[in-house]
Structures are given as C-alpha cells and as structure tokens.
Amino acid sequence: LLARGPRHRLDAEVIRDLALSISGLLVDQLGGEPVRPYQPPGVWESVGYTGSNTANYEAQSGDALYRRSLYTFWKRTAPPPNMKLFDAPDRETCVVRRERTNTPLAALVLMNDEQFVEAARHLGARMWQAASTHKDRIEHGFALAVGRSPDEQEIKLLLDFFHEEQKRFAEDASAAKALLSVGASEPAKGIPLADHAAYAIIGSVLLNLDETITKG
C-alpha cells in the first residue's frame, strides 16, 4: 500500500514555485498583498474597461516577481497564461477536479517563458558555485531538480550537451549575453560568460525533465 501512488504532473502553481525554489529565486515571505509577476504585454487589454485599474497589466519588480504563485494577482477573465497552459482553472466557475493535458504549449512555457528562463540561468549559476568540476556541478543541479543522483548515461548526456553549448556560446558572445539578460535580476558575477550561458541551458533542461514536473 505504501509502494504505489498516483503519478501525475504537478499543478500549475506548484510547477512555477518549484522552478523558483530550485533556482534559489523563491521569496518565502508569508502573507501580504497580491503581486504581479511576469506576464505578456497587453494580456488584459481585450477584457479590461478603459477606466479600470486592471485595464493594463504592469509587472512589478524586486521580490514581487518571485513570490509564491498563491500571491499572484488573478484576473478571472484573463488568468496568467503560463498557469492556464498548465490547466489551472480560470476561476469563473467552481472546478471539482483539474484537467491535465499534455500539449507542446506546456513545453514551450518551460523553455521560453521569462520566469522559467530566468530560473534556469539562476540554477546554472547555483550549479557553478556548488562545486569545482563540471561533473560535480551538473550532478548537484540534477539532484536539486529531481531529488536523486544521475546515472552514468544521464551524466554523460548532460556533460556532452554542456560542452556543445559551451563551445557555441564561446563563438557567439552576443547570444550568451542575450540569454543571461532575460529577467529582471542581474546575472551572477565571476562566472565565465560561455560557461554561465551553457549552465543556463543545462538548467533549462533540468527544469524541463518529466521527472522534475511530475509527482513520482
């Protein structure tokens, strides 16, 4: 009875909070006013009254961007897109059970949404600062994401991919700078540019793993 339980993808809010926690960005303050983290520009325009204080969405700055999803300001007629794509209900009606779909849009959120890209680059910096060898750093990041150590095949794949990305960014510094500029927070200091960008890509891979976003 203790060996089996339902295995399913985590809820939308938990996936965002998990990415923030793994990356070290999560602000764990309890209570307070609702906050407005990243959302696409113009997301409220089609559903907001001109004179309303919710006609235009303006993201906040600082700690407000990294509070738990519980505190996200929610407009029922225009819910946060990154949560909606993970099947969060729109709150216009009562829902007994959330649907769980599996579409490419969910993967695109994890790979491209500003919140997740920023989390990935901070996870990359966290890996770099945790050890002195690439193998140990990636193993540390893997354990942060899924709660276990990678096996030999997994660490080989990640190391090979890291070296490919490191070489690519060494040859294209502008791409590395563009990646590390995503999000409001400053890039970590003291990490070589190509290495930092390559670790950000590894961080994105780890945050995208099925094992990371699934309740085992």
C-alpha atoms as a PDB file:
ATOM      1  CA  LEU A   1       0.000   0.000   0.000  1.00  0.00           C
ATOM      2  CA  LEU A   2       2.904   2.352   0.625  1.00  0.00           C
ATOM      3  CA  ALA A   3       4.707   1.472  -2.598  1.00  0.00           C
ATOM      4  CA  ARG A   4       2.217   2.938  -5.030  1.00  0.00           C
ATOM      5  CA  GLY A   5       0.506   6.284  -5.550  1.00  0.00           C
ATOM      6  CA  PRO A   6      -0.931   8.299  -8.417  1.00  0.00           C
ATOM      7  CA  ARG A   7       1.784   9.624 -10.715  1.00  0.00           C
ATOM      8  CA  HIS A   8       0.757  12.846 -12.411  1.00  0.00           C
ATOM      9  CA  ARG A   9       2.091  16.219 -13.456  1.00  0.00           C
ATOM     10  CA  LEU A  10       2.219  18.842 -10.735  1.00  0.00           C
ATOM     11  CA  ASP A  11      -0.317  21.658 -10.662  1.00  0.00           C
ATOM     12  CA  ALA A  12       0.450  24.895 -12.498  1.00  0.00           C
ATOM     13  CA  GLU A  13       1.230  26.935  -9.398  1.00  0.00           C
ATOM     14  CA  VAL A  14       3.485  24.221  -7.997  1.00  0.00           C
ATOM     15  CA  ILE A  15       5.494  23.966 -11.227  1.00  0.00           C
ATOM     16  CA  ARG A  16       6.265  27.688 -11.142  1.00  0.00           C
ATOM     17  CA  ASP A  17       7.078  27.639  -7.419  1.00  0.00           C
ATOM     18  CA  LEU A  18       9.272  24.576  -7.909  1.00  0.00           C
ATOM     19  CA  ALA A  19      11.321  26.298 -10.613  1.00  0.00           C
ATOM     20  CA  LEU A  20      11.793  29.339  -8.377  1.00  0.00           C
ATOM     21  CA  SER A  21      12.766  27.155  -5.428  1.00  0.00           C
ATOM     22  CA  ILE A  22      15.260  25.009  -7.356  1.00  0.00           C
ATOM     23  CA  SER A  23      16.899  28.114  -8.799  1.00  0.00           C
ATOM     24  CA  GLY A  24      17.128  29.838  -5.422  1.00  0.00           C
ATOM     25  CA  LEU A  25      14.905  32.752  -6.514  1.00  0.00           C
ATOM     26  CA  LEU A  26      11.825  31.921  -4.438  1.00  0.00           C
ATOM     27  CA  VAL A  27      10.882  34.545  -1.847  1.00  0.00           C
ATOM     28  CA  ASP A  28       9.337  32.611   1.031  1.00  0.00           C
ATOM     29  CA  GLN A  29       7.688  35.559   2.775  1.00  0.00           C
ATOM     30  CA  LEU A  30       4.266  34.666   4.159  1.00  0.00           C
ATOM     31  CA  GLY A  31       1.238  36.937   3.756  1.00  0.00           C
ATOM     32  CA  GLY A  32       0.969  40.346   2.192  1.00  0.00           C
ATOM     33  CA  GLU A  33      -0.749  41.915  -0.790  1.00  0.00           C
ATOM     34  CA  PRO A  34      -1.179  40.200  -4.180  1.00  0.00           C
ATOM     35  CA  VAL A  35       1.736  40.604  -6.578  1.00  0.00           C
ATOM     36  CA  ARG A  36       2.053  40.910 -10.344  1.00  0.00           C
ATOM     37  CA  PRO A  37       4.892  38.787 -11.747  1.00  0.00           C
ATOM     38  CA  TYR A  38       5.831  38.458 -15.420  1.00  0.00           C
ATOM     39  CA  GLN A  39       3.015  38.220 -17.951  1.00  0.00           C
ATOM     40  CA  PRO A  40       2.906  39.021 -21.686  1.00  0.00           C
ATOM     41  CA  PRO A  41       2.320  42.715 -22.513  1.00  0.00           C
ATOM     42  CA  GLY A  42      -1.267  43.581 -23.362  1.00  0.00           C
ATOM     43  CA  VAL A  43      -2.669  40.451 -21.730  1.00  0.00           C
ATOM     44  CA  TRP A  44      -5.561  42.395 -20.129  1.00  0.00           C
ATOM     45  CA  GLU A  45      -6.334  44.840 -22.939  1.00  0.00           C
ATOM     46  CA  SER A  46      -9.164  42.925 -24.586  1.00  0.00           C
ATOM     47  CA  VAL A  47     -11.012  42.236 -21.323  1.00  0.00           C
ATOM     48  CA  GLY A  48     -10.401  45.407 -19.285  1.00  0.00           C
ATOM     49  CA  TYR A  49     -12.563  48.523 -19.071  1.00  0.00           C
ATOM     50  CA  THR A  50     -10.727  51.628 -20.194  1.00  0.00           C
ATOM     51  CA  GLY A  51     -11.018  53.404 -16.860  1.00  0.00           C
ATOM     52  CA  SER A  52     -10.408  50.312 -14.745  1.00  0.00           C
ATOM     53  CA  ASN A  53      -7.279  49.761 -12.685  1.00  0.00           C
ATOM     54  CA  THR A  54      -6.995  46.365 -14.400  1.00  0.00           C
ATOM     55  CA  ALA A  55      -7.130  47.639 -17.982  1.00  0.00           C
ATOM     56  CA  ASN A  56      -3.372  47.371 -18.380  1.00  0.00           C
ATOM     57  CA  TYR A  57      -1.102  44.785 -16.830  1.00  0.00           C
ATOM     58  CA  GLU A  58       2.142  46.099 -15.394  1.00  0.00           C
ATOM     59  CA  ALA A  59       4.550  43.635 -13.849  1.00  0.00           C
ATOM     60  CA  GLN A  60       6.133  44.631 -10.566  1.00  0.00           C
ATOM     61  CA  SER A  61       9.815  44.433  -9.720  1.00  0.00           C
ATOM     62  CA  GLY A  62      12.037  43.073  -6.982  1.00  0.00           C
ATOM     63  CA  ASP A  63      10.750  40.401  -4.613  1.00  0.00           C
ATOM     64  CA  ALA A  64       7.226  40.630  -6.072  1.00  0.00           C
ATOM     65  CA  LEU A  65       8.436  38.733  -9.147  1.00  0.00           C
ATOM     66  CA  TYR A  66       9.482  35.733  -7.064  1.00  0.00           C
ATOM     67  CA  ARG A  67       6.678  35.320  -4.536  1.00  0.00           C
ATOM     68  CA  ARG A  68       4.766  32.039  -4.389  1.00  0.00           C
ATOM     69  CA  SER A  69       2.082  31.675  -7.059  1.00  0.00           C
ATOM     70  CA  LEU A  70      -0.506  31.740  -4.279  1.00  0.00           C
ATOM     71  CA  TYR A  71       0.025  35.519  -4.137  1.00  0.00           C
ATOM     72  CA  THR A  72      -0.283  36.200  -7.880  1.00  0.00           C
ATOM     73  CA  PHE A  73      -2.967  38.778  -8.701  1.00  0.00           C
ATOM     74  CA  TRP A  74      -5.579  36.894 -10.693  1.00  0.00           C
ATOM     75  CA  LYS A  75      -7.979  38.445 -13.210  1.00  0.00           C
ATOM     76  CA  ARG A  76     -10.697  35.879 -13.791  1.00  0.00           C
ATOM     77  CA  THR A  77     -11.338  36.888 -17.410  1.00  0.00           C
ATOM     78  CA  ALA A  78      -7.604  36.786 -18.228  1.00  0.00           C
ATOM     79  CA  PRO A  79      -5.767  34.283 -15.997  1.00  0.00           C
ATOM     80  CA  PRO A  80      -1.943  34.125 -16.085  1.00  0.00           C
ATOM     81  CA  PRO A  81      -1.136  32.445 -19.434  1.00  0.00           C
ATOM     82  CA  ASN A  82       1.723  30.332 -18.078  1.00  0.00           C
ATOM     83  CA  MET A  83      -0.633  28.830 -15.492  1.00  0.00           C
ATOM     84  CA  LYS A  84      -3.529  28.455 -17.912  1.00  0.00           C
ATOM     85  CA  LEU A  85      -1.322  26.378 -20.214  1.00  0.00           C
ATOM     86  CA  PHE A  86      -0.734  24.012 -17.312  1.00  0.00           C
ATOM     87  CA  ASP A  87      -4.506  23.637 -16.883  1.00  0.00           C
ATOM     88  CA  ALA A  88      -5.067  25.997 -13.978  1.00  0.00           C
ATOM     89  CA  PRO A  89      -8.817  26.805 -13.898  1.00  0.00           C
ATOM     90  CA  ASP A  90      -9.841  30.351 -14.788  1.00  0.00           C
ATOM     91  CA  ARG A  91     -11.830  30.750 -11.529  1.00  0.00           C
ATOM     92  CA  GLU A  92     -15.006  31.874 -13.296  1.00  0.00           C
ATOM     93  CA  THR A  93     -16.659  28.632 -12.197  1.00  0.00           C
ATOM     94  CA  CYS A  94     -16.084  26.121  -9.423  1.00  0.00           C
ATOM     95  CA  VAL A  95     -13.967  23.162 -10.513  1.00  0.00           C
ATOM     96  CA  VAL A  96     -14.046  19.865  -8.649  1.00  0.00           C
ATOM     97  CA  ARG A  97     -11.043  18.379 -10.444  1.00  0.00           C
ATOM     98  CA  ARG A  98      -8.457  19.986 -12.686  1.00  0.00           C
ATOM     99  CA  GLU A  99      -7.884  18.602 -16.134  1.00  0.00           C
ATOM    100  CA  ARG A 100      -4.346  17.565 -17.016  1.00  0.00           C
ATOM    101  CA  THR A 101      -3.468  17.873 -20.669  1.00  0.00           C
ATOM    102  CA  ASN A 102      -0.178  17.224 -22.435  1.00  0.00           C
ATOM    103  CA  THR A 103       0.499  19.639 -25.290  1.00  0.00           C
ATOM    104  CA  PRO A 104       3.584  21.278 -26.859  1.00  0.00           C
ATOM    105  CA  LEU A 105       2.464  24.597 -25.374  1.00  0.00           C
ATOM    106  CA  ALA A 106       3.375  23.399 -21.883  1.00  0.00           C
ATOM    107  CA  ALA A 107       6.917  22.568 -23.015  1.00  0.00           C
ATOM    108  CA  LEU A 108       7.186  25.953 -24.738  1.00  0.00           C
ATOM    109  CA  VAL A 109       6.327  27.662 -21.450  1.00  0.00           C
ATOM    110  CA  LEU A 110       9.076  25.774 -19.615  1.00  0.00           C
ATOM    111  CA  MET A 111      11.623  26.557 -22.316  1.00  0.00           C
ATOM    112  CA  ASN A 112      10.716  30.142 -23.221  1.00  0.00           C
ATOM    113  CA  ASP A 113       8.623  31.869 -20.555  1.00  0.00           C
ATOM    114  CA  GLU A 114      10.612  34.705 -18.973  1.00  0.00           C
ATOM    115  CA  GLN A 115      10.080  33.359 -15.455  1.00  0.00           C
ATOM    116  CA  PHE A 116      11.436  29.918 -16.350  1.00  0.00           C
ATOM    117  CA  VAL A 117      14.370  31.176 -18.436  1.00  0.00           C
ATOM    118  CA  GLU A 118      15.412  33.417 -15.557  1.00  0.00           C
ATOM    119  CA  ALA A 119      15.070  30.489 -13.163  1.00  0.00           C
ATOM    120  CA  ALA A 120      17.195  28.343 -15.496  1.00  0.00           C
ATOM    121  CA  ARG A 121      20.060  30.821 -15.580  1.00  0.00           C
ATOM    122  CA  HIS A 122      19.995  31.179 -11.805  1.00  0.00           C
ATOM    123  CA  LEU A 123      20.004  27.402 -11.464  1.00  0.00           C
ATOM    124  CA  GLY A 124      23.015  27.402 -13.787  1.00  0.00           C
ATOM    125  CA  ALA A 125      24.813  29.872 -11.512  1.00  0.00           C
ATOM    126  CA  ARG A 126      23.843  27.801  -8.493  1.00  0.00           C
ATOM    127  CA  MET A 127      25.397  24.714 -10.097  1.00  0.00           C
ATOM    128  CA  TRP A 128      28.596  26.572 -10.934  1.00  0.00           C
ATOM    129  CA  GLN A 129      29.029  27.827  -7.384  1.00  0.00           C
ATOM    130  CA  ALA A 130      28.347  24.424  -5.794  1.00  0.00           C
ATOM    131  CA  ALA A 131      31.469  22.549  -6.953  1.00  0.00           C
ATOM    132  CA  SER A 132      34.749  22.803  -8.842  1.00  0.00           C
ATOM    133  CA  THR A 133      34.222  20.310 -11.699  1.00  0.00           C
ATOM    134  CA  HIS A 134      31.581  20.266 -14.401  1.00  0.00           C
ATOM    135  CA  LYS A 135      30.549  16.736 -13.483  1.00  0.00           C
ATOM    136  CA  ASP A 136      30.001  17.567  -9.814  1.00  0.00           C
ATOM    137  CA  ARG A 137      28.165  20.779 -10.685  1.00  0.00           C
ATOM    138  CA  ILE A 138      25.746  19.064 -13.035  1.00  0.00           C
ATOM    139  CA  GLU A 139      25.180  16.238 -10.550  1.00  0.00           C
ATOM    140  CA  HIS A 140      24.314  18.857  -7.938  1.00  0.00           C
ATOM    141  CA  GLY A 141      21.812  20.555 -10.255  1.00  0.00           C
ATOM    142  CA  PHE A 142      20.284  17.212 -11.207  1.00  0.00           C
ATOM    143  CA  ALA A 143      19.776  16.326  -7.543  1.00  0.00           C
ATOM    144  CA  LEU A 144      18.186  19.710  -6.863  1.00  0.00           C
ATOM    145  CA  ALA A 145      15.717  19.148  -9.701  1.00  0.00           C
ATOM    146  CA  VAL A 146      14.686  15.516  -9.245  1.00  0.00           C
ATOM    147  CA  GLY A 147      15.924  14.522  -5.798  1.00  0.00           C
ATOM    148  CA  ARG A 148      18.375  11.847  -6.874  1.00  0.00           C
ATOM    149  CA  SER A 149      21.801  11.486  -8.487  1.00  0.00           C
ATOM    150  CA  PRO A 150      22.027  10.941 -12.253  1.00  0.00           C
ATOM    151  CA  ASP A 151      23.121   7.564 -13.568  1.00  0.00           C
ATOM    152  CA  GLU A 152      26.152   7.174 -15.857  1.00  0.00           C
ATOM    153  CA  GLN A 153      24.206   7.620 -19.093  1.00  0.00           C
ATOM    154  CA  GLU A 154      22.371  10.698 -17.820  1.00  0.00           C
ATOM    155  CA  ILE A 155      25.509  12.459 -16.618  1.00  0.00           C
ATOM    156  CA  LYS A 156      27.314  11.637 -19.883  1.00  0.00           C
ATOM    157  CA  LEU A 157      24.478  13.109 -21.963  1.00  0.00           C
ATOM    158  CA  LEU A 158      24.368  16.253 -19.857  1.00  0.00           C
ATOM    159  CA  LEU A 159      28.157  16.708 -19.889  1.00  0.00           C
ATOM    160  CA  ASP A 160      28.328  16.242 -23.661  1.00  0.00           C
ATOM    161  CA  PHE A 161      25.494  18.720 -24.128  1.00  0.00           C
ATOM    162  CA  PHE A 162      27.164  21.199 -21.772  1.00  0.00           C
ATOM    163  CA  HIS A 163      30.410  21.100 -23.784  1.00  0.00           C
ATOM    164  CA  GLU A 164      28.488  21.600 -27.040  1.00  0.00           C
ATOM    165  CA  GLU A 165      26.700  24.644 -25.630  1.00  0.00           C
ATOM    166  CA  GLN A 166      29.891  25.979 -24.060  1.00  0.00           C
ATOM    167  CA  LYS A 167      31.605  25.879 -27.446  1.00  0.00           C
ATOM    168  CA  ARG A 168      28.620  27.508 -29.170  1.00  0.00           C
ATOM    169  CA  PHE A 169      28.464  30.381 -26.703  1.00  0.00           C
ATOM    170  CA  ALA A 170      32.241  30.844 -26.795  1.00  0.00           C
ATOM    171  CA  GLU A 171      31.843  31.516 -30.516  1.00  0.00           C
ATOM    172  CA  ASP A 172      28.745  33.698 -30.097  1.00  0.00           C
ATOM    173  CA  ALA A 173      29.083  36.010 -27.101  1.00  0.00           C
ATOM    174  CA  SER A 174      26.051  38.069 -28.123  1.00  0.00           C
ATOM    175  CA  ALA A 175      23.807  35.006 -27.809  1.00  0.00           C
ATOM    176  CA  ALA A 176      25.211  34.285 -24.359  1.00  0.00           C
ATOM    177  CA  LYS A 177      24.613  37.876 -23.231  1.00  0.00           C
ATOM    178  CA  ALA A 178      21.066  37.801 -24.604  1.00  0.00           C
ATOM    179  CA  LEU A 179      20.276  34.615 -22.689  1.00  0.00           C
ATOM    180  CA  LEU A 180      21.743  35.895 -19.432  1.00  0.00           C
ATOM    181  CA  SER A 181      19.820  39.173 -19.706  1.00  0.00           C
ATOM    182  CA  VAL A 182      16.386  37.502 -19.606  1.00  0.00           C
ATOM    183  CA  GLY A 183      14.519  38.542 -16.478  1.00  0.00           C
ATOM    184  CA  ALA A 184      14.869  41.467 -14.107  1.00  0.00           C
ATOM    185  CA  SER A 185      17.621  40.009 -11.916  1.00  0.00           C
ATOM    186  CA  GLU A 186      21.303  40.564 -12.599  1.00  0.00           C
ATOM    187  CA  PRO A 187      23.490  37.681 -13.867  1.00  0.00           C
ATOM    188  CA  ALA A 188      25.803  36.128 -11.285  1.00  0.00           C
ATOM    189  CA  LYS A 189      29.294  37.597 -11.236  1.00  0.00           C
ATOM    190  CA  GLY A 190      32.588  35.743 -11.505  1.00  0.00           C
ATOM    191  CA  ILE A 191      31.419  33.067 -13.967  1.00  0.00           C
ATOM    192  CA  PRO A 192      32.906  32.958 -17.484  1.00  0.00           C
ATOM    193  CA  LEU A 193      30.306  34.125 -19.987  1.00  0.00           C
ATOM    194  CA  ALA A 194      30.229  30.972 -22.140  1.00  0.00           C
ATOM    195  CA  ASP A 195      30.141  28.713 -19.081  1.00  0.00           C
ATOM    196  CA  HIS A 196      27.358  30.698 -17.457  1.00  0.00           C
ATOM    197  CA  ALA A 197      25.193  30.557 -20.595  1.00  0.00           C
ATOM    198  CA  ALA A 198      25.882  26.851 -21.082  1.00  0.00           C
ATOM    199  CA  TYR A 199      24.905  26.123 -17.488  1.00  0.00           C
ATOM    200  CA  ALA A 200      21.724  28.154 -18.027  1.00  0.00           C
ATOM    201  CA  ILE A 201      20.845  25.797 -20.883  1.00  0.00           C
ATOM    202  CA  ILE A 202      21.542  22.787 -18.663  1.00  0.00           C
ATOM    203  CA  GLY A 203      19.350  24.406 -16.019  1.00  0.00           C
ATOM    204  CA  SER A 204      16.557  24.710 -18.582  1.00  0.00           C
ATOM    205  CA  VAL A 205      16.930  21.030 -19.469  1.00  0.00           C
ATOM    206  CA  LEU A 206      16.685  20.045 -15.811  1.00  0.00           C
ATOM    207  CA  LEU A 207      13.587  22.195 -15.246  1.00  0.00           C
ATOM    208  CA  ASN A 208      12.012  20.583 -18.320  1.00  0.00           C
ATOM    209  CA  LEU A 209      12.535  16.987 -17.252  1.00  0.00           C
ATOM    210  CA  ASP A 210       9.375  14.943 -16.943  1.00  0.00           C
ATOM    211  CA  GLU A 211      10.714  13.689 -13.631  1.00  0.00           C
ATOM    212  CA  THR A 212      11.019  17.279 -12.371  1.00  0.00           C
ATOM    213  CA  ILE A 213       7.444  18.333 -13.022  1.00  0.00           C
ATOM    214  CA  THR A 214       5.794  15.001 -12.220  1.00  0.00           C
ATOM    215  CA  LYS A 215       4.719  13.704  -8.835  1.00  0.00           C
ATOM    216  CA  GLY A 216       6.511  10.374  -8.531  1.00  0.00           C
END
